[in-house]
Amino acid sequence: MARKVFYSFYYKEDNWRASQVRNMGVIEGNQPVSDNDWEQIKKGGDEAIKRWINQQLNGRSCTIVLIGTNTAGRKWIKYEIEKSWNDKKGLLGIYIHNLKDADGNQSKKGRNPFDDFTLNGKALSQVVKTYDPPYSDSKKVYEYIQNNIASWVEEAISIRNNY
């Protein structure tokens, strides 16, 4: 049975790349929100956004942060990371900059969002693993993620359970 995961990503810039990962079918992810639904959620303010995120995280065993050029430092990405860690969910990052977007473009590698957190005096990035597929060809990046994501999730859950 596939694990249920929550995908965290910067919607505006990385939705197309994120959808490629989400649609691999290797693990079960949260349902995507449409642009219109997201606008409605945002109208409710920060508390409404937190409620929506919390609902999406409910029943998930792991959060996968899909790291694009500008993912790190974003307010809601940070909230999702902190909430996931505090709720004892597995946590991992996958760099998606070399997947092509809707226009066939790749982007620049972003910084590690786990560097923004400290845990017992060290960066969370020293505990949470990130994966940067070792290819520049988008199809090979896709295949690499598809072939490894299930084991990455299991490892992330194990790391969190033992920390």
C-alpha atoms as a PDB file:
ATOM      1  CA  MET A   1       0.000   0.000   0.000  1.00  0.00           C
ATOM      2  CA  ALA A   2       1.358   3.396  -0.967  1.00  0.00           C
ATOM      3  CA  ARG A   3       2.222   5.922   1.747  1.00  0.00           C
ATOM      4  CA  LYS A   4       0.152   9.057   1.996  1.00  0.00           C
ATOM      5  CA  VAL A   5       2.286  12.166   1.718  1.00  0.00           C
ATOM      6  CA  PHE A   6       1.854  15.914   1.683  1.00  0.00           C
ATOM      7  CA  TYR A   7       3.612  17.854  -1.074  1.00  0.00           C
ATOM      8  CA  SER A   8       4.923  21.278  -0.135  1.00  0.00           C
ATOM      9  CA  PHE A   9       5.990  23.577  -2.982  1.00  0.00           C
ATOM     10  CA  TYR A  10       5.866  27.144  -4.255  1.00  0.00           C
ATOM     11  CA  TYR A  11       2.686  26.996  -6.306  1.00  0.00           C
ATOM     12  CA  LYS A  12       3.225  30.049  -8.508  1.00  0.00           C
ATOM     13  CA  GLU A  13       6.630  28.984  -9.843  1.00  0.00           C
ATOM     14  CA  ASP A  14       6.669  25.214  -9.463  1.00  0.00           C
ATOM     15  CA  ASN A  15       3.138  23.931  -9.962  1.00  0.00           C
ATOM     16  CA  TRP A  16       3.919  22.322 -13.337  1.00  0.00           C
ATOM     17  CA  ARG A  17       7.073  20.607 -12.045  1.00  0.00           C
ATOM     18  CA  ALA A  18       5.324  19.555  -8.851  1.00  0.00           C
ATOM     19  CA  SER A  19       2.446  18.031 -10.804  1.00  0.00           C
ATOM     20  CA  GLN A  20       4.910  15.777 -12.619  1.00  0.00           C
ATOM     21  CA  VAL A  21       6.103  14.367  -9.294  1.00  0.00           C
ATOM     22  CA  ARG A  22       2.608  14.182  -7.822  1.00  0.00           C
ATOM     23  CA  ASN A  23       1.307  12.274 -10.855  1.00  0.00           C
ATOM     24  CA  MET A  24       3.987   9.578 -10.800  1.00  0.00           C
ATOM     25  CA  GLY A  25       1.583   7.328  -8.900  1.00  0.00           C
ATOM     26  CA  VAL A  26       4.307   5.809  -6.755  1.00  0.00           C
ATOM     27  CA  ILE A  27       2.929   7.326  -3.553  1.00  0.00           C
ATOM     28  CA  GLU A  28      -0.400   8.900  -2.741  1.00  0.00           C
ATOM     29  CA  GLY A  29      -0.281  12.668  -2.375  1.00  0.00           C
ATOM     30  CA  ASN A  30      -2.662  15.331  -1.213  1.00  0.00           C
ATOM     31  CA  GLN A  31      -5.148  16.606  -3.754  1.00  0.00           C
ATOM     32  CA  PRO A  32      -4.047  19.721  -5.602  1.00  0.00           C
ATOM     33  CA  VAL A  33      -5.969  22.908  -4.986  1.00  0.00           C
ATOM     34  CA  SER A  34      -7.145  24.887  -7.990  1.00  0.00           C
ATOM     35  CA  ASP A  35      -6.178  28.523  -8.482  1.00  0.00           C
ATOM     36  CA  ASN A  36      -9.775  29.564  -7.731  1.00  0.00           C
ATOM     37  CA  ASP A  37      -9.987  27.480  -4.553  1.00  0.00           C
ATOM     38  CA  TRP A  38      -6.638  28.828  -3.352  1.00  0.00           C
ATOM     39  CA  GLU A  39      -7.847  32.400  -3.894  1.00  0.00           C
ATOM     40  CA  GLN A  40     -10.915  31.610  -1.762  1.00  0.00           C
ATOM     41  CA  ILE A  41      -8.762  30.095   0.986  1.00  0.00           C
ATOM     42  CA  LYS A  42      -6.440  33.131   0.951  1.00  0.00           C
ATOM     43  CA  LYS A  43      -9.412  35.485   1.371  1.00  0.00           C
ATOM     44  CA  GLY A  44      -9.934  33.911   4.804  1.00  0.00           C
ATOM     45  CA  GLY A  45      -6.543  35.178   5.952  1.00  0.00           C
ATOM     46  CA  ASP A  46      -3.666  33.426   7.688  1.00  0.00           C
ATOM     47  CA  GLU A  47      -5.883  31.382  10.015  1.00  0.00           C
ATOM     48  CA  ALA A  48      -7.857  29.987   7.078  1.00  0.00           C
ATOM     49  CA  ILE A  49      -4.623  29.076   5.280  1.00  0.00           C
ATOM     50  CA  LYS A  50      -3.299  27.340   8.410  1.00  0.00           C
ATOM     51  CA  ARG A  51      -6.562  25.407   8.778  1.00  0.00           C
ATOM     52  CA  TRP A  52      -6.375  24.290   5.146  1.00  0.00           C
ATOM     53  CA  ILE A  53      -2.724  23.202   5.497  1.00  0.00           C
ATOM     54  CA  ASN A  54      -3.483  21.383   8.761  1.00  0.00           C
ATOM     55  CA  GLN A  55      -6.387  19.542   7.095  1.00  0.00           C
ATOM     56  CA  GLN A  56      -4.149  18.554   4.177  1.00  0.00           C
ATOM     57  CA  LEU A  57      -1.463  17.261   6.559  1.00  0.00           C
ATOM     58  CA  ASN A  58      -3.965  15.186   8.518  1.00  0.00           C
ATOM     59  CA  GLY A  59      -3.485  11.466   7.869  1.00  0.00           C
ATOM     60  CA  ARG A  60      -0.184  11.944   6.035  1.00  0.00           C
ATOM     61  CA  SER A  61       2.934  10.137   7.220  1.00  0.00           C
ATOM     62  CA  CYS A  62       5.493  12.282   5.383  1.00  0.00           C
ATOM     63  CA  THR A  63       5.950  15.723   3.859  1.00  0.00           C
ATOM     64  CA  ILE A  64       7.936  16.091   0.661  1.00  0.00           C
ATOM     65  CA  VAL A  65       9.216  19.582  -0.014  1.00  0.00           C
ATOM     66  CA  LEU A  66       9.660  20.005  -3.760  1.00  0.00           C
ATOM     67  CA  ILE A  67      12.500  22.508  -3.960  1.00  0.00           C
ATOM     68  CA  GLY A  68      12.531  25.006  -6.795  1.00  0.00           C
ATOM     69  CA  THR A  69      14.496  28.190  -7.280  1.00  0.00           C
ATOM     70  CA  ASN A  70      12.568  30.262  -4.728  1.00  0.00           C
ATOM     71  CA  THR A  71      11.046  27.680  -2.391  1.00  0.00           C
ATOM     72  CA  ALA A  72      13.263  28.337   0.646  1.00  0.00           C
ATOM     73  CA  GLY A  73      12.181  31.142   2.924  1.00  0.00           C
ATOM     74  CA  ARG A  74       8.549  31.269   1.802  1.00  0.00           C
ATOM     75  CA  LYS A  75       6.162  31.780   4.702  1.00  0.00           C
ATOM     76  CA  TRP A  76       3.849  28.838   4.066  1.00  0.00           C
ATOM     77  CA  ILE A  77       6.622  26.444   3.083  1.00  0.00           C
ATOM     78  CA  LYS A  78       8.255  27.245   6.439  1.00  0.00           C
ATOM     79  CA  TYR A  79       4.948  26.669   8.225  1.00  0.00           C
ATOM     80  CA  GLU A  80       4.475  23.295   6.490  1.00  0.00           C
ATOM     81  CA  ILE A  81       8.014  22.190   7.391  1.00  0.00           C
ATOM     82  CA  GLU A  82       7.684  23.236  11.034  1.00  0.00           C
ATOM     83  CA  LYS A  83       4.208  21.728  11.404  1.00  0.00           C
ATOM     84  CA  SER A  84       5.285  18.465   9.780  1.00  0.00           C
ATOM     85  CA  TRP A  85       8.349  18.119  11.994  1.00  0.00           C
ATOM     86  CA  ASN A  86       6.419  18.976  15.163  1.00  0.00           C
ATOM     87  CA  ASP A  87       3.712  16.465  14.202  1.00  0.00           C
ATOM     88  CA  LYS A  88       6.447  13.799  13.881  1.00  0.00           C
ATOM     89  CA  LYS A  89       5.957  13.273  10.160  1.00  0.00           C
ATOM     90  CA  GLY A  90       8.768  12.133   7.926  1.00  0.00           C
ATOM     91  CA  LEU A  91      10.314  15.064   6.084  1.00  0.00           C
ATOM     92  CA  LEU A  92      12.463  15.229   2.960  1.00  0.00           C
ATOM     93  CA  GLY A  93      13.288  17.523   0.079  1.00  0.00           C
ATOM     94  CA  ILE A  94      13.614  16.885  -3.640  1.00  0.00           C
ATOM     95  CA  TYR A  95      15.195  19.440  -5.962  1.00  0.00           C
ATOM     96  CA  ILE A  96      12.970  19.829  -9.022  1.00  0.00           C
ATOM     97  CA  HIS A  97      14.754  22.627 -10.880  1.00  0.00           C
ATOM     98  CA  ASN A  98      15.866  20.312 -13.701  1.00  0.00           C
ATOM     99  CA  LEU A  99      12.340  19.133 -14.480  1.00  0.00           C
ATOM    100  CA  LYS A 100      10.936  21.133 -17.372  1.00  0.00           C
ATOM    101  CA  ASP A 101       8.027  23.497 -16.811  1.00  0.00           C
ATOM    102  CA  ALA A 102       5.012  23.966 -19.123  1.00  0.00           C
ATOM    103  CA  ASP A 103       7.171  25.984 -21.516  1.00  0.00           C
ATOM    104  CA  GLY A 104       9.956  23.380 -21.604  1.00  0.00           C
ATOM    105  CA  ASN A 105      12.303  25.429 -19.388  1.00  0.00           C
ATOM    106  CA  GLN A 106      14.432  24.340 -16.490  1.00  0.00           C
ATOM    107  CA  SER A 107      15.345  26.690 -13.653  1.00  0.00           C
ATOM    108  CA  LYS A 108      18.171  27.422 -11.240  1.00  0.00           C
ATOM    109  CA  LYS A 109      18.737  25.288  -8.179  1.00  0.00           C
ATOM    110  CA  GLY A 110      17.286  26.894  -5.070  1.00  0.00           C
ATOM    111  CA  ARG A 111      18.746  26.854  -1.601  1.00  0.00           C
ATOM    112  CA  ASN A 112      17.905  24.211   0.976  1.00  0.00           C
ATOM    113  CA  PRO A 113      14.762  25.279   2.903  1.00  0.00           C
ATOM    114  CA  PHE A 114      15.780  23.155   5.892  1.00  0.00           C
ATOM    115  CA  ASP A 115      18.738  25.492   6.476  1.00  0.00           C
ATOM    116  CA  ASP A 116      16.197  27.983   7.915  1.00  0.00           C
ATOM    117  CA  PHE A 117      15.562  25.813  10.993  1.00  0.00           C
ATOM    118  CA  THR A 118      17.720  24.752  13.918  1.00  0.00           C
ATOM    119  CA  LEU A 119      17.263  21.665  16.005  1.00  0.00           C
ATOM    120  CA  ASN A 120      19.327  21.153  19.146  1.00  0.00           C
ATOM    121  CA  GLY A 121      21.849  23.711  17.930  1.00  0.00           C
ATOM    122  CA  LYS A 122      22.300  22.367  14.412  1.00  0.00           C
ATOM    123  CA  ALA A 123      20.606  23.049  11.114  1.00  0.00           C
ATOM    124  CA  LEU A 124      17.592  20.869  10.375  1.00  0.00           C
ATOM    125  CA  SER A 125      19.263  20.271   6.999  1.00  0.00           C
ATOM    126  CA  GLN A 126      21.779  18.086   8.848  1.00  0.00           C
ATOM    127  CA  VAL A 127      18.932  15.764   9.861  1.00  0.00           C
ATOM    128  CA  VAL A 128      16.455  15.991   6.982  1.00  0.00           C
ATOM    129  CA  LYS A 129      17.731  14.605   3.696  1.00  0.00           C
ATOM    130  CA  THR A 130      17.399  16.339   0.372  1.00  0.00           C
ATOM    131  CA  TYR A 131      17.831  14.698  -2.990  1.00  0.00           C
ATOM    132  CA  ASP A 132      19.183  16.389  -6.084  1.00  0.00           C
ATOM    133  CA  PRO A 133      18.824  14.066  -9.087  1.00  0.00           C
ATOM    134  CA  PRO A 134      22.252  13.763 -10.740  1.00  0.00           C
ATOM    135  CA  TYR A 135      21.024  14.553 -14.238  1.00  0.00           C
ATOM    136  CA  SER A 136      20.325  17.646 -16.295  1.00  0.00           C
ATOM    137  CA  ASP A 137      18.029  15.849 -18.752  1.00  0.00           C
ATOM    138  CA  SER A 138      14.432  16.308 -17.546  1.00  0.00           C
ATOM    139  CA  LYS A 139      13.355  12.774 -18.503  1.00  0.00           C
ATOM    140  CA  LYS A 140      16.237  11.244 -16.554  1.00  0.00           C
ATOM    141  CA  VAL A 141      15.443  13.478 -13.560  1.00  0.00           C
ATOM    142  CA  TYR A 142      11.829  12.302 -13.695  1.00  0.00           C
ATOM    143  CA  GLU A 143      12.870   8.627 -13.877  1.00  0.00           C
ATOM    144  CA  TYR A 144      15.363   9.069 -11.019  1.00  0.00           C
ATOM    145  CA  ILE A 145      12.709  10.579  -8.774  1.00  0.00           C
ATOM    146  CA  GLN A 146      10.131   7.963  -9.788  1.00  0.00           C
ATOM    147  CA  ASN A 147      12.543   5.102  -9.072  1.00  0.00           C
ATOM    148  CA  ASN A 148      13.617   6.405  -5.662  1.00  0.00           C
ATOM    149  CA  ILE A 149      10.809   8.407  -4.091  1.00  0.00           C
ATOM    150  CA  ALA A 150       9.172   5.491  -2.258  1.00  0.00           C
ATOM    151  CA  SER A 151      12.438   4.510  -0.535  1.00  0.00           C
ATOM    152  CA  TRP A 152      13.191   8.173   0.270  1.00  0.00           C
ATOM    153  CA  VAL A 153       9.812   8.443   2.001  1.00  0.00           C
ATOM    154  CA  GLU A 154      10.449   5.291   4.035  1.00  0.00           C
ATOM    155  CA  GLU A 155      13.879   6.576   5.059  1.00  0.00           C
ATOM    156  CA  ALA A 156      12.445   9.973   6.041  1.00  0.00           C
ATOM    157  CA  ILE A 157       9.808   8.323   8.225  1.00  0.00           C
ATOM    158  CA  SER A 158      12.464   6.148   9.841  1.00  0.00           C
ATOM    159  CA  ILE A 159      14.726   9.155  10.514  1.00  0.00           C
ATOM    160  CA  ARG A 160      11.868  11.064  12.146  1.00  0.00           C
ATOM    161  CA  ASN A 161      10.751   8.071  14.223  1.00  0.00           C
ATOM    162  CA  ASN A 162      14.275   7.642  15.554  1.00  0.00           C
ATOM    163  CA  TYR A 163      14.946  11.300  16.320  1.00  0.00           C
END
